[in-house]
Structures are given as structure tokens and as C-alpha cells.
Amino acid sequence: MDIIAGLLGGINVDNSLNTRKIDRNIERLKKLEWFKTIYDEEKYHSMFFVNRHVRGYLQSTIRVKKIIRSEKAQLKFMRFLDKQI
């Protein structure tokens, strides 16, 4: 039991968000015209600052790069945003 407890105790789950990384990823996305449009829309704008789920989604640089490259990923992101409203 001590071994299992030690192993489980060694797992450190960090639920904090990396604000700098998120802001950097938002800046990358703002170079895209379609993103600038939604970023400036009132119903979405505040989510980029206060919605933990949206910020967590944008924390992933891999996901953001996929959004930049893929129209399918862009649509998935828009559906995600709409669910957060």
C-alpha cells in the first residue's frame, strides 16, 4: 500500500493556466481575419479573457497551430465557442 500511495502521491496535476502562452496563442490567431472578426464580437470577446475552458483550449500551441492551418479545426473551435455561450 505504501508503494501505491507513493506512486499516486508523486503524480502532480497542475490545473493552472499559462496566461503568457494563452495570450501568445491569441495573438497568433488574431493575424487571421476570421478570428479577428469573432474576437471583436461582443458575445465572444469576454470569453477569451474569463472563460477557463476557452483559455484552456487556447493554451495548447499544437491545437492553435491546427486551427491556423485547418478549416475543419476552425469549425470545431467555433462549435466549441458556441457551446460556451
N, C-alpha and C. Protein backbone atom coordinates (compact mmCIF):
# COMPACT_ATOMS: atom_id res chain seq x y z
N MET A 1 0.83 -1.20 0.00
CA MET A 1 0.00 0.00 0.00
C MET A 1 0.87 1.26 0.00
N ASP A 2 1.95 1.23 0.73
CA ASP A 2 2.83 2.40 0.78
C ASP A 2 3.41 2.73 -0.60
N ILE A 3 3.71 1.68 -1.34
CA ILE A 3 4.28 1.88 -2.67
C ILE A 3 3.25 2.55 -3.58
N ILE A 4 2.01 2.06 -3.55
CA ILE A 4 0.95 2.62 -4.37
C ILE A 4 0.67 4.07 -3.97
N ALA A 5 0.61 4.32 -2.67
CA ALA A 5 0.38 5.68 -2.19
C ALA A 5 1.52 6.60 -2.62
N GLY A 6 2.73 6.10 -2.58
CA GLY A 6 3.88 6.89 -3.01
C GLY A 6 3.83 7.23 -4.48
N LEU A 7 3.43 6.24 -5.28
CA LEU A 7 3.31 6.47 -6.71
C LEU A 7 2.21 7.47 -7.02
N LEU A 8 1.07 7.32 -6.39
CA LEU A 8 -0.04 8.24 -6.62
C LEU A 8 0.26 9.63 -6.08
N GLY A 9 0.95 9.69 -4.98
CA GLY A 9 1.33 10.98 -4.40
C GLY A 9 2.33 11.71 -5.26
N GLY A 10 3.10 10.97 -6.06
CA GLY A 10 4.10 11.57 -6.92
C GLY A 10 3.51 12.21 -8.17
N ILE A 11 2.27 11.88 -8.46
CA ILE A 11 1.62 12.46 -9.63
C ILE A 11 1.13 13.84 -9.25
N ASN A 12 1.64 14.82 -9.94
CA ASN A 12 1.28 16.20 -9.65
C ASN A 12 0.44 16.74 -10.80
N VAL A 13 -0.81 17.01 -10.53
CA VAL A 13 -1.70 17.55 -11.55
C VAL A 13 -1.78 19.07 -11.36
N ASP A 14 -1.37 19.77 -12.40
CA ASP A 14 -1.35 21.23 -12.35
C ASP A 14 -2.52 21.75 -13.16
N ASN A 15 -3.51 22.33 -12.46
CA ASN A 15 -4.70 22.84 -13.12
C ASN A 15 -4.61 24.32 -13.47
N SER A 16 -3.46 24.93 -13.24
CA SER A 16 -3.33 26.35 -13.53
C SER A 16 -3.12 26.56 -15.03
N LEU A 17 -3.51 27.73 -15.48
CA LEU A 17 -3.36 28.07 -16.89
C LEU A 17 -2.15 28.96 -17.08
N ASN A 18 -1.49 28.79 -18.20
CA ASN A 18 -0.32 29.59 -18.54
C ASN A 18 -0.77 30.81 -19.33
N THR A 19 -0.97 31.91 -18.64
CA THR A 19 -1.52 33.13 -19.23
C THR A 19 -0.67 33.65 -20.38
N ARG A 20 0.63 33.64 -20.23
CA ARG A 20 1.50 34.13 -21.30
C ARG A 20 1.34 33.30 -22.57
N LYS A 21 1.30 32.01 -22.40
CA LYS A 21 1.15 31.11 -23.55
C LYS A 21 -0.20 31.32 -24.24
N ILE A 22 -1.25 31.46 -23.45
CA ILE A 22 -2.59 31.69 -23.99
C ILE A 22 -2.62 33.00 -24.75
N ASP A 23 -2.11 34.05 -24.15
CA ASP A 23 -2.10 35.37 -24.80
C ASP A 23 -1.28 35.34 -26.09
N ARG A 24 -0.16 34.63 -26.09
CA ARG A 24 0.67 34.49 -27.29
C ARG A 24 -0.10 33.76 -28.39
N ASN A 25 -0.82 32.71 -28.01
CA ASN A 25 -1.61 31.96 -28.98
C ASN A 25 -2.76 32.80 -29.54
N ILE A 26 -3.38 33.60 -28.69
CA ILE A 26 -4.44 34.50 -29.16
C ILE A 26 -3.86 35.50 -30.15
N GLU A 27 -2.69 36.02 -29.88
CA GLU A 27 -2.04 36.96 -30.81
C GLU A 27 -1.76 36.29 -32.15
N ARG A 28 -1.36 35.02 -32.13
CA ARG A 28 -1.15 34.29 -33.38
C ARG A 28 -2.45 34.20 -34.17
N LEU A 29 -3.53 33.87 -33.46
CA LEU A 29 -4.82 33.72 -34.12
C LEU A 29 -5.35 35.06 -34.64
N LYS A 30 -5.04 36.14 -33.94
CA LYS A 30 -5.53 37.46 -34.36
C LYS A 30 -4.95 37.92 -35.69
N LYS A 31 -3.95 37.21 -36.19
CA LYS A 31 -3.40 37.52 -37.51
C LYS A 31 -4.32 37.03 -38.62
N LEU A 32 -5.28 36.18 -38.24
CA LEU A 32 -6.24 35.64 -39.20
C LEU A 32 -7.51 36.48 -39.19
N GLU A 33 -7.97 36.85 -40.36
CA GLU A 33 -9.13 37.74 -40.47
C GLU A 33 -10.38 37.16 -39.82
N TRP A 34 -10.66 35.87 -40.02
CA TRP A 34 -11.87 35.26 -39.46
C TRP A 34 -11.82 35.29 -37.93
N PHE A 35 -10.63 35.11 -37.36
CA PHE A 35 -10.52 35.12 -35.91
C PHE A 35 -10.68 36.54 -35.37
N LYS A 36 -10.09 37.52 -36.06
CA LYS A 36 -10.24 38.91 -35.62
C LYS A 36 -11.72 39.29 -35.56
N THR A 37 -12.48 38.79 -36.52
CA THR A 37 -13.91 39.09 -36.57
C THR A 37 -14.62 38.55 -35.33
N ILE A 38 -14.36 37.30 -34.98
CA ILE A 38 -15.04 36.74 -33.80
C ILE A 38 -14.47 37.32 -32.51
N TYR A 39 -13.18 37.62 -32.51
CA TYR A 39 -12.54 38.19 -31.32
C TYR A 39 -13.18 39.53 -30.97
N ASP A 40 -13.56 40.30 -31.98
CA ASP A 40 -14.16 41.61 -31.76
C ASP A 40 -15.66 41.55 -31.49
N GLU A 41 -16.28 40.39 -31.73
CA GLU A 41 -17.71 40.26 -31.45
C GLU A 41 -17.95 40.23 -29.95
N GLU A 42 -18.93 41.00 -29.52
CA GLU A 42 -19.22 41.14 -28.10
C GLU A 42 -19.52 39.81 -27.42
N LYS A 43 -20.27 38.93 -28.10
CA LYS A 43 -20.67 37.68 -27.45
C LYS A 43 -19.50 36.73 -27.23
N TYR A 44 -18.42 36.88 -27.97
CA TYR A 44 -17.24 36.02 -27.80
C TYR A 44 -16.10 36.69 -27.04
N HIS A 45 -15.97 37.98 -27.19
CA HIS A 45 -14.77 38.69 -26.72
C HIS A 45 -14.40 38.40 -25.27
N SER A 46 -15.34 38.50 -24.37
CA SER A 46 -15.01 38.30 -22.96
C SER A 46 -14.59 36.87 -22.65
N MET A 47 -15.06 35.91 -23.45
CA MET A 47 -14.68 34.52 -23.20
C MET A 47 -13.18 34.31 -23.32
N PHE A 48 -12.54 35.08 -24.18
CA PHE A 48 -11.10 34.91 -24.37
C PHE A 48 -10.31 35.36 -23.13
N PHE A 49 -10.97 36.06 -22.22
CA PHE A 49 -10.30 36.54 -21.01
C PHE A 49 -10.76 35.82 -19.74
N VAL A 50 -12.03 35.43 -19.69
CA VAL A 50 -12.56 34.93 -18.41
C VAL A 50 -13.02 33.48 -18.42
N ASN A 51 -13.28 32.92 -19.59
CA ASN A 51 -13.78 31.55 -19.64
C ASN A 51 -12.62 30.57 -19.54
N ARG A 52 -12.58 29.85 -18.45
CA ARG A 52 -11.47 28.93 -18.18
C ARG A 52 -11.37 27.84 -19.25
N HIS A 53 -12.50 27.37 -19.76
CA HIS A 53 -12.49 26.32 -20.77
C HIS A 53 -11.91 26.83 -22.10
N VAL A 54 -12.32 28.03 -22.48
CA VAL A 54 -11.81 28.63 -23.71
C VAL A 54 -10.32 28.89 -23.57
N ARG A 55 -9.91 29.44 -22.45
CA ARG A 55 -8.50 29.73 -22.23
C ARG A 55 -7.68 28.44 -22.20
N GLY A 56 -8.25 27.39 -21.59
CA GLY A 56 -7.57 26.10 -21.57
C GLY A 56 -7.42 25.53 -22.97
N TYR A 57 -8.45 25.70 -23.78
CA TYR A 57 -8.42 25.24 -25.17
C TYR A 57 -7.32 25.95 -25.93
N LEU A 58 -7.20 27.25 -25.71
CA LEU A 58 -6.21 28.06 -26.42
C LEU A 58 -4.81 27.95 -25.83
N GLN A 59 -4.67 27.29 -24.72
CA GLN A 59 -3.35 27.11 -24.11
C GLN A 59 -2.50 26.14 -24.94
N SER A 60 -3.13 25.26 -25.66
CA SER A 60 -2.41 24.27 -26.46
C SER A 60 -1.90 24.89 -27.76
N THR A 61 -0.59 25.02 -27.87
CA THR A 61 0.02 25.56 -29.08
C THR A 61 -0.23 24.64 -30.27
N ILE A 62 -0.22 23.35 -30.03
CA ILE A 62 -0.49 22.38 -31.10
C ILE A 62 -1.90 22.58 -31.64
N ARG A 63 -2.87 22.74 -30.73
CA ARG A 63 -4.25 22.96 -31.15
C ARG A 63 -4.39 24.27 -31.92
N VAL A 64 -3.72 25.31 -31.45
CA VAL A 64 -3.80 26.62 -32.12
C VAL A 64 -3.18 26.54 -33.51
N LYS A 65 -2.06 25.86 -33.65
CA LYS A 65 -1.44 25.70 -34.97
C LYS A 65 -2.37 24.94 -35.91
N LYS A 66 -3.08 23.96 -35.36
CA LYS A 66 -4.04 23.20 -36.17
C LYS A 66 -5.19 24.11 -36.60
N ILE A 67 -5.64 24.98 -35.70
CA ILE A 67 -6.71 25.94 -36.03
C ILE A 67 -6.25 26.87 -37.15
N ILE A 68 -5.01 27.28 -37.10
CA ILE A 68 -4.47 28.19 -38.12
C ILE A 68 -4.43 27.50 -39.49
N ARG A 69 -4.06 26.22 -39.51
CA ARG A 69 -3.87 25.50 -40.77
C ARG A 69 -5.13 24.87 -41.34
N SER A 70 -6.06 24.48 -40.48
CA SER A 70 -7.15 23.63 -40.93
C SER A 70 -8.53 24.27 -40.77
N GLU A 71 -9.26 24.32 -41.86
CA GLU A 71 -10.63 24.84 -41.80
C GLU A 71 -11.50 23.96 -40.92
N LYS A 72 -11.26 22.66 -40.94
CA LYS A 72 -12.01 21.72 -40.10
C LYS A 72 -11.78 22.05 -38.61
N ALA A 73 -10.54 22.33 -38.25
CA ALA A 73 -10.21 22.69 -36.87
C ALA A 73 -10.84 24.04 -36.50
N GLN A 74 -10.93 24.94 -37.45
CA GLN A 74 -11.57 26.23 -37.21
C GLN A 74 -13.05 26.06 -36.91
N LEU A 75 -13.70 25.21 -37.69
CA LEU A 75 -15.12 24.94 -37.45
C LEU A 75 -15.34 24.27 -36.09
N LYS A 76 -14.45 23.35 -35.76
CA LYS A 76 -14.54 22.68 -34.45
C LYS A 76 -14.39 23.71 -33.32
N PHE A 77 -13.46 24.64 -33.49
CA PHE A 77 -13.25 25.69 -32.50
C PHE A 77 -14.49 26.57 -32.37
N MET A 78 -15.10 26.91 -33.50
CA MET A 78 -16.31 27.75 -33.46
C MET A 78 -17.45 27.02 -32.76
N ARG A 79 -17.61 25.73 -33.01
CA ARG A 79 -18.64 24.95 -32.31
C ARG A 79 -18.36 24.94 -30.82
N PHE A 80 -17.09 24.79 -30.46
CA PHE A 80 -16.69 24.81 -29.06
C PHE A 80 -17.06 26.15 -28.42
N LEU A 81 -16.75 27.25 -29.10
CA LEU A 81 -17.09 28.58 -28.57
C LEU A 81 -18.59 28.74 -28.39
N ASP A 82 -19.35 28.28 -29.37
CA ASP A 82 -20.80 28.41 -29.29
C ASP A 82 -21.38 27.62 -28.11
N LYS A 83 -20.76 26.50 -27.79
CA LYS A 83 -21.22 25.72 -26.63
C LYS A 83 -20.92 26.44 -25.31
N GLN A 84 -19.93 27.31 -25.33
CA GLN A 84 -19.53 28.01 -24.11
C GLN A 84 -20.42 29.22 -23.81
N ILE A 85 -21.21 29.65 -24.79
CA ILE A 85 -22.05 30.84 -24.59
C ILE A 85 -23.18 30.50 -23.64
